[in-house]
């Protein structure tokens, strides 16, 4: 089969983490903390309640989704380290809803009485896209060619003493290095390209297509080059995602590979299982195990892939639960949220295998027409066969904001049957809840 990499094609240089002396397993925690209070934290808190684990959250808004299910709330921005110190007084381990955290400042809080999971050292290379690309390169894992955006502003080399012609006498002192008026792509790069903010981009934010030199010049006029990266534009047939996890003892588990589909660079729907050859999934799991082990990562990690003529390539890494794993609530033995709670609390990991033939998850994005008929639409969605609605209870926000998701269970036993179900069910969902118009 064309377009997949055999396992031998990637040899990750994995740091072996060994403990020569057996250690007693610590008792499970009855309370954990989550920095962040959005829908991911809400679903974590809901899963924790079923496991008898109290979740305390740090979030800036009293009406944020997770406050409805939290045992207590520290009302403060997620980067307020003093507030995280207060949160630490209520639990023995803290995890994060997203990766936008002040890593260095948090190190002062680490100690025998408090763990961050994933650990801060494991998070360090994951909190920026440049760090992720360097990590993937160090581990020889496949990813698109990339460079820092600032590299397009590298100066032309100075002429050697002696001028432009061989044998000419020096014509005064060498010219100083000059930044070129026109940016230059590094060797091996060609338009079109994709520019990405190294930090903070999500749901299509911080991602800019760069089709030509004019678009590159416009981008450079409005952003700080040191905060962005450039990537080759990958020709792909499908976008795939894998949710993986690793516990405190180093055991690795993976959820089934899924297909994702984007609308204006925001996740539109997710199909499980992904309609690809089993060898592709085996390779994806190998990539996940290499990353988790090399980082000594403890917790849930999500990996987005491109799959096409160049094989399987890592697009992005998310050190947390992820939109592509929402359907595990209904489709798998243990949801990604329950798994994260289990790992952070020190409970044994749950089984990750599927309990249904397939599933389709559809994101419900804020429409242009306001809130007038949302309740009626939600009731219509809940009435669909084998439908499970998760409404986040967000307040405010603009067009395209994720307000909830709907998971529909599929009955098809083959990829072809499930694809027909996906098309039919997605059309029914979009007839009730249309996609908002967003510029491409």
Protein backbone atom coordinates (compact mmCIF):
# COMPACT_ATOMS: atom_id res chain seq x y z
CA UNK A 1 0.00 0.00 0.00
CA UNK A 2 1.40 3.42 -0.94
CA UNK A 3 1.55 6.27 1.51
CA UNK A 4 2.48 4.65 4.80
CA UNK A 5 5.75 4.32 6.61
CA UNK A 6 6.98 0.94 7.87
CA UNK A 7 8.00 0.99 11.49
CA UNK A 8 11.67 0.68 10.62
CA UNK A 9 11.49 4.04 8.81
CA UNK A 10 11.46 5.88 12.13
CA UNK A 11 13.96 5.20 14.86
CA UNK A 12 13.26 7.54 17.73
CA UNK A 13 16.18 8.19 20.02
CA UNK A 14 14.28 7.40 23.18
CA UNK A 15 15.58 8.34 26.58
CA UNK A 16 15.35 5.20 28.70
CA UNK A 17 13.90 5.98 32.08
CA UNK A 18 14.83 3.33 34.56
CA UNK A 19 14.54 3.10 38.31
CA UNK A 20 16.91 0.47 39.70
CA UNK A 21 15.05 0.19 42.98
CA UNK A 22 11.38 -0.79 43.28
CA UNK A 23 9.23 1.89 44.83
CA UNK A 24 5.95 1.59 46.63
CA UNK A 25 2.96 2.78 44.63
CA UNK A 26 1.54 5.89 46.32
CA UNK A 27 -2.05 5.81 47.48
CA UNK A 28 -4.56 7.27 45.01
CA UNK A 29 -5.59 10.86 45.57
CA UNK A 30 -9.15 11.80 46.40
CA UNK A 31 -8.75 15.35 45.03
CA UNK A 32 -6.93 16.84 42.03
CA UNK A 33 -6.63 20.33 40.59
CA UNK A 34 -7.19 21.60 37.05
CA UNK A 35 -5.82 24.91 35.80
CA UNK A 36 -8.52 26.09 33.41
CA UNK A 37 -12.31 26.08 33.48
CA UNK A 38 -13.57 25.55 29.91
CA UNK A 39 -15.33 22.58 28.38
CA UNK A 40 -12.34 20.25 28.71
CA UNK A 41 -12.12 20.94 32.45
CA UNK A 42 -15.89 20.51 32.73
CA UNK A 43 -15.77 17.07 31.12
CA UNK A 44 -12.79 16.16 33.33
CA UNK A 45 -14.76 17.16 36.42
CA UNK A 46 -17.81 15.18 35.25
CA UNK A 47 -15.67 12.08 34.74
CA UNK A 48 -13.96 12.59 38.11
CA UNK A 49 -17.30 12.71 39.90
CA UNK A 50 -18.10 9.21 38.64
CA UNK A 51 -14.72 8.03 39.98
CA UNK A 52 -15.21 9.61 43.41
CA UNK A 53 -12.43 12.14 42.83
CA UNK A 54 -13.00 15.80 43.70
CA UNK A 55 -11.81 18.34 41.13
CA UNK A 56 -10.81 21.86 42.15
CA UNK A 57 -10.39 24.34 39.29
CA UNK A 58 -8.62 27.63 38.71
CA UNK A 59 -10.44 29.77 36.17
CA UNK A 60 -11.12 33.48 35.68
CA UNK A 61 -14.89 33.35 35.18
CA UNK A 62 -17.50 32.39 37.75
CA UNK A 63 -19.74 31.18 34.91
CA UNK A 64 -17.10 29.12 33.09
CA UNK A 65 -18.30 25.58 32.23
CA UNK A 66 -16.17 23.68 34.77
CA UNK A 67 -17.49 25.67 37.72
CA UNK A 68 -20.76 23.70 37.50
CA UNK A 69 -19.05 20.41 38.35
CA UNK A 70 -16.05 21.51 40.44
CA UNK A 71 -15.70 20.80 44.15
CA UNK A 72 -14.30 24.33 44.55
CA UNK A 73 -13.13 27.19 42.35
CA UNK A 74 -10.18 29.55 42.58
CA UNK A 75 -11.33 32.58 40.59
CA UNK A 76 -8.19 33.85 38.88
CA UNK A 77 -6.51 33.91 35.47
CA UNK A 78 -4.83 30.64 34.52
CA UNK A 79 -1.39 32.30 34.54
CA UNK A 80 -1.78 33.61 38.12
CA UNK A 81 0.85 31.56 39.97
CA UNK A 82 -0.30 32.74 43.41
CA UNK A 83 -3.76 31.39 42.57
CA UNK A 84 -2.19 28.09 41.51
CA UNK A 85 -0.44 28.03 44.87
CA UNK A 86 -3.86 28.35 46.51
CA UNK A 87 -5.19 25.58 44.27
CA UNK A 88 -2.27 23.38 45.33
CA UNK A 89 -3.40 23.68 48.94
CA UNK A 90 -6.60 21.82 48.04
CA UNK A 91 -5.10 18.80 46.25
CA UNK A 92 -1.97 16.71 45.78
CA UNK A 93 -1.66 16.85 41.98
CA UNK A 94 -2.51 19.45 39.34
CA UNK A 95 -3.12 19.08 35.62
CA UNK A 96 -3.89 21.60 32.91
CA UNK A 97 -6.75 22.24 30.51
CA UNK A 98 -4.40 23.79 27.96
CA UNK A 99 -0.71 24.45 27.46
CA UNK A 100 -0.69 28.24 27.89
CA UNK A 101 0.87 28.20 31.31
CA UNK A 102 3.83 30.01 32.94
CA UNK A 103 6.12 26.99 33.15
CA UNK A 104 9.12 28.61 34.79
CA UNK A 105 7.05 30.38 37.44
CA UNK A 106 5.25 27.14 38.30
CA UNK A 107 8.52 25.35 39.08
CA UNK A 108 8.64 27.15 42.42
CA UNK A 109 5.49 25.30 43.48
CA UNK A 110 6.78 21.78 42.78
CA UNK A 111 7.71 19.73 45.80
CA UNK A 112 7.02 16.57 47.79
CA UNK A 113 3.44 17.63 48.45
CA UNK A 114 2.53 18.64 44.90
CA UNK A 115 2.98 17.12 41.46
CA UNK A 116 2.16 18.62 38.10
CA UNK A 117 0.98 15.97 35.65
CA UNK A 118 2.18 16.06 32.95
CA UNK A 119 5.44 17.20 34.53
CA UNK A 120 6.80 20.63 33.71
CA UNK A 121 9.93 19.18 32.09
CA UNK A 122 7.76 17.05 29.82
CA UNK A 123 5.64 20.07 28.89
CA UNK A 124 8.61 22.32 28.13
CA UNK A 125 9.12 21.29 24.48
CA UNK A 126 5.36 21.03 23.84
CA UNK A 127 4.13 24.51 24.76
CA UNK A 128 5.33 26.05 21.49
CA UNK A 129 5.12 24.81 17.92
CA UNK A 130 8.81 25.54 17.41
CA UNK A 131 9.60 23.38 20.44
CA UNK A 132 7.39 20.60 19.07
CA UNK A 133 9.14 20.69 15.69
CA UNK A 134 12.57 20.54 17.33
CA UNK A 135 11.47 17.59 19.48
CA UNK A 136 10.14 15.69 16.47
CA UNK A 137 13.40 16.33 14.64
CA UNK A 138 15.47 15.13 17.59
CA UNK A 139 13.44 11.91 17.69
CA UNK A 140 13.53 11.44 13.90
CA UNK A 141 9.74 11.40 13.75
CA UNK A 142 8.09 12.47 10.47
CA UNK A 143 6.80 16.04 10.30
CA UNK A 144 6.51 18.79 7.67
CA UNK A 145 9.67 20.73 6.82
CA UNK A 146 9.71 23.94 8.85
CA UNK A 147 11.81 26.95 9.82
CA UNK A 148 11.44 29.93 12.17
CA UNK A 149 9.72 32.77 10.34
CA UNK A 150 12.66 35.01 11.29
CA UNK A 151 14.88 32.92 9.02
CA UNK A 152 13.39 34.61 5.94
CA UNK A 153 15.04 37.83 7.16
CA UNK A 154 18.56 36.41 7.24
CA UNK A 155 20.98 38.94 5.71
CA UNK A 156 22.81 38.40 2.46
CA UNK A 157 26.38 37.25 3.07
CA UNK A 158 29.00 39.99 2.88
CA UNK A 159 31.19 40.01 -0.22
CA UNK A 160 34.71 38.72 0.38
CA UNK A 161 37.53 41.26 0.45
CA UNK A 162 38.53 41.94 -3.13
CA UNK A 163 35.14 42.85 -4.53
CA UNK A 164 32.90 40.93 -6.88
CA UNK A 165 35.48 39.85 -9.46
CA UNK A 166 38.27 37.39 -8.90
CA UNK A 167 41.64 39.03 -8.60
CA UNK A 168 40.33 42.57 -8.15
CA UNK A 169 41.99 44.64 -5.43
CA UNK A 170 40.02 45.36 -2.30
CA UNK A 171 37.61 48.24 -2.83
CA UNK A 172 37.58 49.63 0.67
CA UNK A 173 36.36 47.78 3.81
CA UNK A 174 33.93 44.83 3.42
CA UNK A 175 30.27 45.81 3.25
CA UNK A 176 28.39 45.28 6.53
CA UNK A 177 25.75 42.58 6.61
CA UNK A 178 22.42 44.01 5.45
CA UNK A 179 18.90 42.70 5.98
CA UNK A 180 17.46 42.26 2.49
CA UNK A 181 14.55 44.50 1.53
CA UNK A 182 12.82 41.41 0.08
CA UNK A 183 12.52 38.33 2.34
CA UNK A 184 14.25 35.18 1.10
CA UNK A 185 13.01 31.66 1.67
CA UNK A 186 15.60 29.32 3.17
CA UNK A 187 17.14 26.67 0.96
CA UNK A 188 14.66 23.95 0.00
CA UNK A 189 11.47 25.94 0.70
CA UNK A 190 8.95 26.86 -1.99
CA UNK A 191 5.58 28.61 -1.99
CA UNK A 192 2.86 27.93 -0.97
CA UNK A 193 3.64 27.69 2.74
CA UNK A 194 1.74 27.80 6.04
CA UNK A 195 2.61 30.22 8.83
CA UNK A 196 1.73 29.36 12.43
CA UNK A 197 1.97 31.30 15.67
CA UNK A 198 4.39 29.39 17.84
CA UNK A 199 2.24 29.89 20.95
CA UNK A 200 -1.44 30.34 21.65
CA UNK A 201 -2.98 29.32 18.34
CA UNK A 202 -6.11 27.13 18.43
CA UNK A 203 -9.32 26.59 16.45
CA UNK A 204 -7.79 28.16 13.35
CA UNK A 205 -6.38 31.15 15.18
CA UNK A 206 -2.72 31.82 14.59
CA UNK A 207 -2.64 29.92 11.29
CA UNK A 208 -2.11 31.86 8.05
CA UNK A 209 -1.70 30.47 4.51
CA UNK A 210 1.25 32.06 2.69
CA UNK A 211 0.71 31.46 -1.05
CA UNK A 212 3.36 33.83 -2.41
CA UNK A 213 5.98 36.44 -1.63
CA UNK A 214 3.43 39.24 -1.31
CA UNK A 215 1.52 37.35 1.38
CA UNK A 216 4.79 36.70 3.21
CA UNK A 217 5.66 40.40 3.18
CA UNK A 218 2.19 41.29 4.50
CA UNK A 219 2.56 38.74 7.31
CA UNK A 220 5.97 40.14 8.28
CA UNK A 221 4.44 43.63 8.47
CA UNK A 222 1.94 42.62 11.14
CA UNK A 223 3.58 39.92 13.30
CA UNK A 224 6.74 39.48 15.33
CA UNK A 225 8.81 37.00 13.26
CA UNK A 226 10.43 35.43 16.32
CA UNK A 227 6.97 34.29 17.49
CA UNK A 228 6.02 32.43 14.30
CA UNK A 229 7.14 29.46 12.24
CA UNK A 230 6.83 28.60 8.54
CA UNK A 231 5.95 25.11 7.32
CA UNK A 232 5.73 23.49 3.93
CA UNK A 233 2.15 23.03 2.79
CA UNK A 234 1.47 19.30 2.99
CA UNK A 235 -0.58 17.52 0.34
CA UNK A 236 -2.73 15.11 2.34
CA UNK A 237 -5.62 12.78 1.72
CA UNK A 238 -6.91 12.76 5.29
CA UNK A 239 -6.27 14.35 8.63
CA UNK A 240 -6.01 11.81 11.44
CA UNK A 241 -5.66 12.03 15.21
CA UNK A 242 -4.61 9.72 18.01
CA UNK A 243 -5.20 10.13 21.75
CA UNK A 244 -2.50 8.33 23.74
CA UNK A 245 -1.77 8.09 27.45
CA UNK A 246 0.98 7.01 29.84
CA UNK A 247 0.65 6.37 33.57
CA UNK A 248 3.05 6.97 36.45
CA UNK A 249 4.53 3.49 36.03
CA UNK A 250 5.39 4.07 32.36
CA UNK A 251 2.60 1.97 30.86
CA UNK A 252 1.41 3.32 27.48
CA UNK A 253 -2.07 2.92 25.98
CA UNK A 254 -3.70 4.36 22.86
CA UNK A 255 -7.26 4.99 21.76
CA UNK A 256 -8.35 4.00 18.25
CA UNK A 257 -7.12 6.24 15.44
CA UNK A 258 -9.76 8.70 14.16
CA UNK A 259 -10.28 10.85 11.08
CA UNK A 260 -10.84 14.58 11.59
CA UNK A 261 -12.27 17.16 9.21
CA UNK A 262 -11.80 20.93 9.45
CA UNK A 263 -14.01 23.85 8.42
CA UNK A 264 -12.09 27.12 8.11
CA UNK A 265 -9.32 25.41 10.10
CA UNK A 266 -11.72 24.60 12.98
CA UNK A 267 -12.61 20.96 13.70
CA UNK A 268 -15.97 20.23 12.08
CA UNK A 269 -16.39 16.48 12.65
CA UNK A 270 -14.49 13.38 13.80
CA UNK A 271 -15.07 9.84 12.50
CA UNK A 272 -14.14 6.71 14.43
CA UNK A 273 -12.53 4.43 13.44
CA UNK A 274 -10.35 6.11 10.81
CA UNK A 275 -10.85 4.51 7.37
CA UNK A 276 -7.19 3.63 6.83
CA UNK A 277 -5.06 0.51 6.62
CA UNK A 278 -4.28 -1.04 10.01
CA UNK A 279 -0.56 -0.53 9.37
CA UNK A 280 -1.12 3.23 9.47
CA UNK A 281 -2.58 2.93 12.96
CA UNK A 282 0.31 0.73 14.08
CA UNK A 283 2.76 3.38 12.90
CA UNK A 284 0.81 6.16 14.64
CA UNK A 285 0.91 4.19 17.90
CA UNK A 286 4.65 3.73 17.50
CA UNK A 287 5.07 7.50 17.14
CA UNK A 288 2.96 8.06 20.27
CA UNK A 289 4.92 5.54 22.34
CA UNK A 290 8.21 7.10 21.25
CA UNK A 291 7.07 10.59 22.25
CA UNK A 292 5.54 9.59 25.59
CA UNK A 293 8.56 7.55 26.62
CA UNK A 294 11.18 10.04 25.48
CA UNK A 295 9.49 12.83 27.44
CA UNK A 296 8.70 10.71 30.51
CA UNK A 297 5.22 12.07 29.90
CA UNK A 298 2.47 11.21 32.40
CA UNK A 299 -1.09 11.90 31.28
CA UNK A 300 -3.09 12.15 28.08
CA UNK A 301 -1.38 13.39 24.90
CA UNK A 302 -3.12 14.01 21.58
CA UNK A 303 -1.37 13.85 18.21
CA UNK A 304 -2.73 15.30 14.97
CA UNK A 305 -1.44 13.76 11.73
CA UNK A 306 -1.43 14.45 8.01
CA UNK A 307 -1.80 11.32 5.88
CA UNK A 308 -1.15 11.36 2.16
CA UNK A 309 1.40 10.69 -0.58
CA UNK A 310 4.30 11.45 1.77
CA UNK A 311 3.01 8.99 4.36
CA UNK A 312 2.04 9.80 7.92
CA UNK A 313 3.39 13.09 9.31
CA UNK A 314 2.86 14.71 12.69
CA UNK A 315 1.00 18.01 12.37
CA UNK A 316 0.62 19.13 16.01
CA UNK A 317 0.87 17.81 19.55
CA UNK A 318 -1.59 18.71 22.32
CA UNK A 319 -0.46 17.83 25.87
CA UNK A 320 -4.01 17.31 27.17
CA UNK A 321 -7.40 15.89 26.34
CA UNK A 322 -8.51 16.91 22.87
CA UNK A 323 -11.49 17.61 20.63
CA UNK A 324 -10.66 14.53 18.56
CA UNK A 325 -11.17 12.35 21.64
CA UNK A 326 -14.60 13.60 22.73
CA UNK A 327 -16.36 10.60 21.19
CA UNK A 328 -14.48 8.27 23.58
CA UNK A 329 -17.13 9.17 26.19
CA UNK A 330 -19.63 6.97 24.36
CA UNK A 331 -17.43 4.90 22.04
CA UNK A 332 -14.70 3.50 24.33
CA UNK A 333 -14.48 1.55 27.54
CA UNK A 334 -12.82 4.48 29.33
CA UNK A 335 -13.18 8.05 28.08
CA UNK A 336 -10.14 10.25 27.57
CA UNK A 337 -11.41 12.41 30.45
CA UNK A 338 -11.77 9.53 32.89
CA UNK A 339 -8.33 8.34 31.82
CA UNK A 340 -6.72 11.70 32.58
CA UNK A 341 -8.39 11.78 35.99
CA UNK A 342 -7.24 8.23 36.71
CA UNK A 343 -3.64 8.99 35.79
CA UNK A 344 -3.44 12.26 37.71
CA UNK A 345 -5.12 10.74 40.78
CA UNK A 346 -2.85 7.68 40.68
CA UNK A 347 -5.61 5.20 39.83
CA UNK A 348 -4.96 2.31 37.40
CA UNK A 349 -5.53 3.21 33.76
CA UNK A 350 -8.78 2.04 32.23
CA UNK A 351 -9.17 0.00 29.05
CA UNK A 352 -9.20 2.04 25.83
CA UNK A 353 -10.86 -0.37 23.39
CA UNK A 354 -14.01 0.50 21.49
CA UNK A 355 -17.42 -0.67 22.68
CA UNK A 356 -19.31 0.27 19.48
CA UNK A 357 -18.66 -0.39 15.76
CA UNK A 358 -18.16 3.31 15.06
CA UNK A 359 -19.04 6.87 16.02
CA UNK A 360 -19.32 10.34 14.54
CA UNK A 361 -18.67 13.47 16.61
CA UNK A 362 -19.91 16.81 15.27
CA UNK A 363 -18.93 20.14 16.77
CA UNK A 364 -21.71 22.67 17.32
CA UNK A 365 -20.32 26.11 16.51
CA UNK A 366 -21.98 29.39 17.46
CA UNK A 367 -24.26 30.52 14.58
CA UNK A 368 -24.70 33.98 13.12
CA UNK A 369 -28.35 34.29 14.19
CA UNK A 370 -27.81 34.50 17.94
CA UNK A 371 -29.56 32.45 20.60
CA UNK A 372 -33.21 32.76 19.54
CA UNK A 373 -33.79 29.18 18.43
CA UNK A 374 -30.88 27.31 19.96
CA UNK A 375 -33.02 25.43 22.48
CA UNK A 376 -35.30 24.08 19.75
CA UNK A 377 -32.26 23.05 17.71
CA UNK A 378 -30.73 21.26 20.67
CA UNK A 379 -33.94 19.31 21.29
CA UNK A 380 -34.03 18.30 17.62
CA UNK A 381 -30.43 17.07 17.82
CA UNK A 382 -31.15 15.04 20.96
CA UNK A 383 -34.06 13.37 19.16
CA UNK A 384 -31.80 11.86 16.49
CA UNK A 385 -31.26 8.07 16.88
CA UNK A 386 -28.26 7.07 19.05
CA UNK A 387 -27.39 10.75 19.62
CA UNK A 388 -25.60 12.08 22.71
CA UNK A 389 -25.54 15.86 23.13
CA UNK A 390 -22.92 17.59 25.28
CA UNK A 391 -23.79 21.26 25.82
CA UNK A 392 -21.01 23.30 27.40
CA UNK A 393 -23.08 26.13 28.86
CA UNK A 394 -20.77 28.88 27.64
CA UNK A 395 -21.79 32.48 27.98
CA UNK A 396 -21.12 34.94 25.19
CA UNK A 397 -18.51 34.51 22.51
CA UNK A 398 -18.46 35.19 18.81
CA UNK A 399 -19.56 33.32 15.71
CA UNK A 400 -17.82 29.97 15.35
CA UNK A 401 -17.15 29.42 19.05
CA UNK A 402 -17.56 25.79 20.16
CA UNK A 403 -20.82 25.63 22.13
CA UNK A 404 -21.13 21.86 22.38
CA UNK A 405 -20.73 18.61 20.50
CA UNK A 406 -22.96 15.78 19.38
CA UNK A 407 -21.83 12.15 19.22
CA UNK A 408 -23.80 9.73 17.06
CA UNK A 409 -23.17 5.99 17.28
CA UNK A 410 -22.71 4.15 13.99
CA UNK A 411 -23.81 0.61 13.16
CA UNK A 412 -21.84 -0.07 9.97
CA UNK A 413 -19.39 -2.98 10.12
CA UNK A 414 -17.24 -1.83 7.21
CA UNK A 415 -15.55 1.46 6.39
CA UNK A 416 -17.82 1.87 3.37
CA UNK A 417 -20.98 1.38 5.44
CA UNK A 418 -19.79 3.82 8.10
CA UNK A 419 -18.93 6.41 5.46
CA UNK A 420 -22.46 6.26 4.09
CA UNK A 421 -23.80 6.64 7.65
CA UNK A 422 -21.49 9.59 8.22
CA UNK A 423 -22.69 11.40 5.12
CA UNK A 424 -26.36 10.82 5.95
CA UNK A 425 -26.11 11.73 9.64
CA UNK A 426 -23.91 14.77 9.04
CA UNK A 427 -26.46 16.09 6.56
CA UNK A 428 -29.21 15.61 9.17
CA UNK A 429 -27.18 17.42 11.84
CA UNK A 430 -26.30 20.30 9.53
CA UNK A 431 -29.95 20.68 8.51
CA UNK A 432 -30.68 21.34 12.19
CA UNK A 433 -27.45 23.15 13.16
CA UNK A 434 -25.75 24.69 10.11
CA UNK A 435 -22.10 25.62 10.03
CA UNK A 436 -21.59 29.34 10.49
CA UNK A 437 -20.11 31.25 7.60
CA UNK A 438 -16.47 31.93 8.30
CA UNK A 439 -13.92 33.30 5.87
CA UNK A 440 -11.54 30.61 4.59
